[in-house]
Amino acid sequence: MNADSGHGYLEARDFKYCPWCGATLQEKDLDGRRRLKCSKCEFIWYRNPVPAAGAIIYNDSGLLLVKRKYPPRAQDWCLPAGFQEYDESPIECCKREIHEETGLEIDIRGLFCTYKAGDDPRTFVVLILYLTDIVGGELAPGDDAEEVEFFKLDSIPNNIAFRAHIKAIDHFRNYLKTGLLPRED
């Protein structure tokens, strides 16, 4: 791993050798993009985004936000969400992350919207947000959450961790006014 990355996630710049055959990777123009391609076999490093899923949890108390415990953006607020594991669906990811971060059990009502999220320093993210209902559990910070709190929509903190979350909160305000789901980002 590149010492400059310092985040624990591998990026294309971290690879020098093919994971299939061990030969040197070289930058090439492929499909209109610069990609790393093996000098001997057919391996091409496609730099794909990482999926994450989360929830819009809203009730009479307001919109549920989580204060981040760890970097990046520790102490900033965000919607409860996290990275999808290899063997789970986005909905399974959403339910797991909500339980881990908030202690709540949820039901999924439907897809709210998807967002491209390029301001997480660890990787490029595709954020999938669902409209949800609380069906059990006890609200308590867990996993990587410092705090969990419901906020009235006119009292959302200014320090929201990621632009996609800011956009989603704005989209949710509009959804409550119009009843129209946002178009995909």
Foldseek 3Di string as FASTA:
>chain_A
DDPVLPPPADDQVNDQADPVPGAGWDWDQDPNDTWTAGPPDGDIDDQDAFEKEEEFEQDPQATKWFQFCDDDVHRFIFGQMDTDDPPDDNVVRHQVSCCQAFQFGKDFPAWQEWAFFDPRSRGTYIYTYTYIYTDDTDTDGHDRTPHMGHDHLVGHDPRHPTPVRVVSSVQVVVCVVPVDRDYYD
